[in-house]
Protein backbone atom coordinates (compact mmCIF):
# COMPACT_ATOMS: atom_id res chain seq x y z
CA UNK A 1 -10.98 -11.20 10.76
CA UNK A 2 -7.44 -10.66 10.94
CA UNK A 3 -5.64 -11.25 14.09
CA UNK A 4 -4.09 -8.73 15.84
CA UNK A 5 -3.03 -8.47 19.31
CA UNK A 6 -3.00 -4.59 21.76
CA UNK A 7 0.24 -2.87 21.12
CA UNK A 8 1.73 -2.43 25.44
CA UNK A 9 2.27 1.00 25.03
CA UNK A 10 3.90 1.95 28.44
CA UNK A 11 6.87 -0.75 26.81
CA UNK A 12 6.62 1.40 23.95
CA UNK A 13 9.43 3.40 22.90
CA UNK A 14 7.58 6.07 20.62
CA UNK A 15 4.91 6.57 23.54
CA UNK A 16 6.26 10.37 23.87
CA UNK A 17 5.41 11.23 19.57
CA UNK A 18 2.07 8.47 19.47
CA UNK A 19 0.33 11.00 22.07
CA UNK A 20 2.33 14.18 20.48
CA UNK A 21 0.82 13.18 17.17
CA UNK A 22 -2.27 12.69 18.20
CA UNK A 23 -3.10 16.13 19.19
CA UNK A 24 -2.44 17.36 15.20
CA UNK A 25 -5.77 18.23 13.26
CA UNK A 26 -2.91 16.82 10.25
CA UNK A 27 -1.25 14.59 11.51
CA UNK A 28 0.00 12.48 8.46
CA UNK A 29 3.61 11.65 7.07
CA UNK A 30 3.89 11.53 3.33
CA UNK A 31 7.28 10.70 0.45
CA UNK A 32 7.48 10.16 -2.28
CA UNK A 33 10.32 8.03 -4.19
CA UNK A 34 10.90 7.46 -7.41
CA UNK A 35 11.37 3.53 -7.80
CA UNK A 36 13.50 1.72 -10.12
CA UNK A 37 11.37 -0.75 -11.88
CA UNK A 38 13.28 -1.38 -14.72
CA UNK A 39 13.40 -5.12 -14.43
CA UNK A 40 10.24 -5.67 -13.70
CA UNK A 41 9.12 -3.95 -16.44
CA UNK A 42 11.55 -6.41 -18.43
CA UNK A 43 9.70 -9.03 -17.47
CA UNK A 44 6.35 -8.21 -17.33
CA UNK A 45 7.16 -7.54 -21.44
CA UNK A 46 8.49 -11.00 -21.35
CA UNK A 47 6.28 -13.03 -19.41
CA UNK A 48 3.05 -11.37 -20.59
CA UNK A 49 1.68 -11.55 -16.31
CA UNK A 50 0.39 -7.00 -16.81
CA UNK A 51 2.85 -4.43 -14.58
CA UNK A 52 -0.52 -3.17 -11.92
CA UNK A 53 -0.49 -6.14 -10.32
CA UNK A 54 2.69 -7.14 -9.39
CA UNK A 55 3.01 -4.29 -8.01
CA UNK A 56 0.87 -3.67 -5.81
CA UNK A 57 1.26 -7.69 -5.04
CA UNK A 58 4.81 -6.12 -3.87
CA UNK A 59 4.10 -2.78 -2.68
CA UNK A 60 1.04 -4.64 -0.24
CA UNK A 61 3.45 -6.94 0.74
CA UNK A 62 5.89 -4.47 1.20
CA UNK A 63 3.95 -3.00 3.93
CA UNK A 64 3.41 -6.21 5.58
CA UNK A 65 6.79 -6.56 6.09
CA UNK A 66 7.01 -3.43 8.45
CA UNK A 67 5.35 -3.24 12.16
CA UNK A 68 4.49 0.17 12.02
CA UNK A 69 2.96 0.75 9.04
CA UNK A 70 0.05 -2.53 9.84
CA UNK A 71 -0.14 -0.48 13.27
CA UNK A 72 -3.62 1.17 14.02
CA UNK A 73 -5.34 3.82 16.44
CA UNK A 74 -8.54 2.32 18.11
CA UNK A 75 -9.73 4.53 20.19
CA UNK A 76 -7.12 5.46 23.06
CA UNK A 77 -5.29 2.05 22.05
CA UNK A 78 -3.54 0.67 18.98
CA UNK A 79 -3.76 -2.43 17.24
CA UNK A 80 -0.75 -5.18 15.01
CA UNK A 81 -2.65 -7.02 12.28
CA UNK A 82 -1.05 -9.86 11.79
CA UNK A 83 -0.71 -8.99 7.99
CA UNK A 84 -3.04 -6.40 6.37
CA UNK A 85 -4.83 -7.05 3.28
CA UNK A 86 -5.40 -4.21 0.08
CA UNK A 87 -8.36 -1.99 -1.02
CA UNK A 88 -7.08 -0.63 -4.18
CA UNK A 89 -8.88 1.23 -6.60
CA UNK A 90 -10.92 -0.41 -9.88
CA UNK A 91 -11.89 1.83 -13.23
CA UNK A 92 -15.50 1.36 -13.94
CA UNK A 93 -16.30 1.52 -17.89
CA UNK A 94 -18.58 5.10 -17.17
CA UNK A 95 -14.78 6.26 -15.60
CA UNK A 96 -16.26 6.11 -12.24
CA UNK A 97 -14.17 3.60 -9.50
CA UNK A 98 -15.11 1.39 -7.26
CA UNK A 99 -12.89 -0.82 -4.47
CA UNK A 100 -10.97 -4.07 -4.38
CA UNK A 101 -10.06 -6.09 -1.07
CA UNK A 102 -7.04 -8.57 -1.42
CA UNK A 103 -4.47 -10.34 0.09
CA UNK A 104 -0.76 -11.18 -1.08
CA UNK A 105 -0.41 -14.04 1.57
CA UNK A 106 0.04 -16.45 -1.60
CA UNK A 107 2.69 -16.86 -3.76
CA UNK A 108 2.36 -14.77 -7.14
CA UNK A 109 1.68 -17.44 -9.54
CA UNK A 110 -1.26 -18.30 -7.48
CA UNK A 111 -2.08 -14.76 -6.78
CA UNK A 112 -2.66 -12.62 -10.22
CA UNK A 113 -5.01 -14.89 -11.03
CA UNK A 114 -6.79 -14.92 -7.82
CA UNK A 115 -6.87 -11.13 -8.04
CA UNK A 116 -7.52 -10.65 -11.27
CA UNK A 117 -11.24 -12.83 -11.03
CA UNK A 118 -11.55 -10.53 -7.90
CA UNK A 119 -11.37 -7.54 -9.53
CA UNK A 120 -13.75 -8.94 -12.52
CA UNK A 121 -16.29 -9.22 -9.41
CA UNK A 122 -15.46 -6.26 -7.74
CA UNK A 123 -17.06 -4.69 -11.38
CA UNK A 124 -19.99 -7.00 -11.52
CA UNK A 125 -20.94 -5.34 -8.16
CA UNK A 126 -19.37 -2.53 -7.98
CA UNK A 127 -18.96 -0.40 -4.12
CA UNK A 128 -17.33 1.62 -2.30
CA UNK A 129 -17.90 0.22 1.05
CA UNK A 130 -15.11 -1.66 2.45
CA UNK A 131 -16.89 -3.28 5.50
CA UNK A 132 -15.56 -5.08 8.44
CA UNK A 133 -11.75 -5.25 7.41
CA UNK A 134 -11.61 -0.70 7.48
CA UNK A 135 -9.28 -0.94 10.37
CA UNK A 136 -6.64 -3.22 8.39
CA UNK A 137 -6.18 -2.62 4.99
CA UNK A 138 -3.95 -1.05 2.75
CA UNK A 139 -5.76 1.79 0.82
CA UNK A 140 -3.90 2.09 -2.42
CA UNK A 141 -4.54 3.85 -6.18
CA UNK A 142 -2.50 4.25 -8.93
CA UNK A 143 -2.70 7.83 -11.94
CA UNK A 144 -0.55 5.47 -14.86
CA UNK A 145 -2.07 8.87 -17.12
CA UNK A 146 1.02 10.68 -15.53
CA UNK A 147 4.09 10.91 -13.61
CA UNK A 148 4.58 13.60 -10.05
CA UNK A 149 6.74 14.24 -8.12
CA UNK A 150 4.20 14.93 -5.34
CA UNK A 151 0.69 14.04 -4.00
CA UNK A 152 -1.53 15.21 -2.01
CA UNK A 153 -4.56 13.14 -0.96
CA UNK A 154 -7.79 13.38 1.11
CA UNK A 155 -8.20 12.02 4.37
CA UNK A 156 -10.74 11.62 6.88
CA UNK A 157 -11.77 14.22 9.83
CA UNK A 158 -10.60 12.26 12.43
CA UNK A 159 -7.50 10.78 11.30
CA UNK A 160 -7.88 7.09 10.48
CA UNK A 161 -4.47 5.44 10.47
CA UNK A 162 -4.82 3.53 7.66
CA UNK A 163 -1.59 3.51 5.46
CA UNK A 164 -1.67 5.00 1.88
CA UNK A 165 0.56 3.66 -0.83
CA UNK A 166 -0.14 5.08 -4.73
CA UNK A 167 2.02 5.74 -7.26
CA UNK A 168 2.29 7.07 -11.55
CA UNK A 169 3.57 6.19 -14.54
CA UNK A 170 6.36 4.95 -14.42
CA UNK A 171 9.40 6.96 -16.62
CA UNK A 172 12.37 6.55 -18.37
CA UNK A 173 15.43 8.32 -16.38
CA UNK A 174 19.60 8.00 -17.78
CA UNK A 175 18.96 4.33 -18.98
CA UNK A 176 16.81 2.71 -16.49
CA UNK A 177 12.93 2.49 -15.78
CA UNK A 178 11.39 4.81 -12.67
CA UNK A 179 8.62 5.15 -11.22
CA UNK A 180 6.69 7.25 -8.73
CA UNK A 181 5.93 6.02 -5.33
CA UNK A 182 3.67 8.08 -2.37
CA UNK A 183 3.12 6.80 1.22
CA UNK A 184 1.20 8.55 3.31
CA UNK A 185 0.73 7.23 7.17
CA UNK A 186 -0.39 8.52 10.33
CA UNK A 187 3.31 10.19 12.18
CA UNK A 188 1.63 9.19 15.78
CA UNK A 189 2.57 5.43 14.28
CA UNK A 190 5.22 5.73 12.23
CA UNK A 191 8.53 7.52 11.57
CA UNK A 192 11.15 8.31 8.69
CA UNK A 193 12.87 5.19 9.32
CA UNK A 194 9.66 3.37 8.87
CA UNK A 195 8.63 4.99 5.65
CA UNK A 196 12.79 4.25 4.41
CA UNK A 197 12.34 0.52 5.48
CA UNK A 198 9.05 0.08 3.53
CA UNK A 199 10.74 1.67 0.19
CA UNK A 200 13.70 -1.11 1.53
CA UNK A 201 11.55 -3.12 1.23
CA UNK A 202 9.31 -2.70 -2.05
CA UNK A 203 12.75 -2.49 -3.26
CA UNK A 204 13.74 -6.54 -2.47
CA UNK A 205 9.89 -7.04 -3.16
CA UNK A 206 10.04 -5.92 -6.97
CA UNK A 207 13.72 -7.96 -7.39
CA UNK A 208 12.55 -10.91 -6.19
CA UNK A 209 8.98 -10.94 -9.37
CA UNK A 210 11.96 -9.61 -11.71
CA UNK A 211 12.93 -13.34 -10.75
CA UNK A 212 10.37 -15.32 -10.67
CA UNK A 213 8.71 -17.44 -13.46
CA UNK A 214 5.34 -18.27 -13.73
């Protein structure tokens, strides 16, 4: 079970925003940003390491770098997890998909074989169940068949507080490679400044990977 602590809402500067957005039928805030992946693509081709898993690694570590994206609403309380694993979609041969839970808490060189093994295990026993860890998860998916400028995601009723990270196919623009990345989060916990910090952290993580020797 992931470690967490209870957020003291009496000392929380966003307590009024938290109370307000909790009353909305659709409390989510989402943004799509084109992220520069030029160096990462070159690195992936040079190392033969693939593209999806390094991007997932960077995105999950970037989300974990923002405390607000590790927060979840639990009844009338807010908990903040020490770290949040990801649950991402894995395509199956019949056109359906299953979920695979991963932790990006290790160096990239160790993460890649671990993630590949977990994906193979998920395919061998496909499931859409996320178990006891569901509250802590970052929901991750990818639409590699096309690029996009906006994305509407399905969300439950009542609203949950798991951030959702999605990206599409990369594209070429003015000599650089770009990829749309969407972050959807519960506005009761997350504001624009926190979303901006996620994208800043994502840029940093992608640059670090591109400079990694495997």
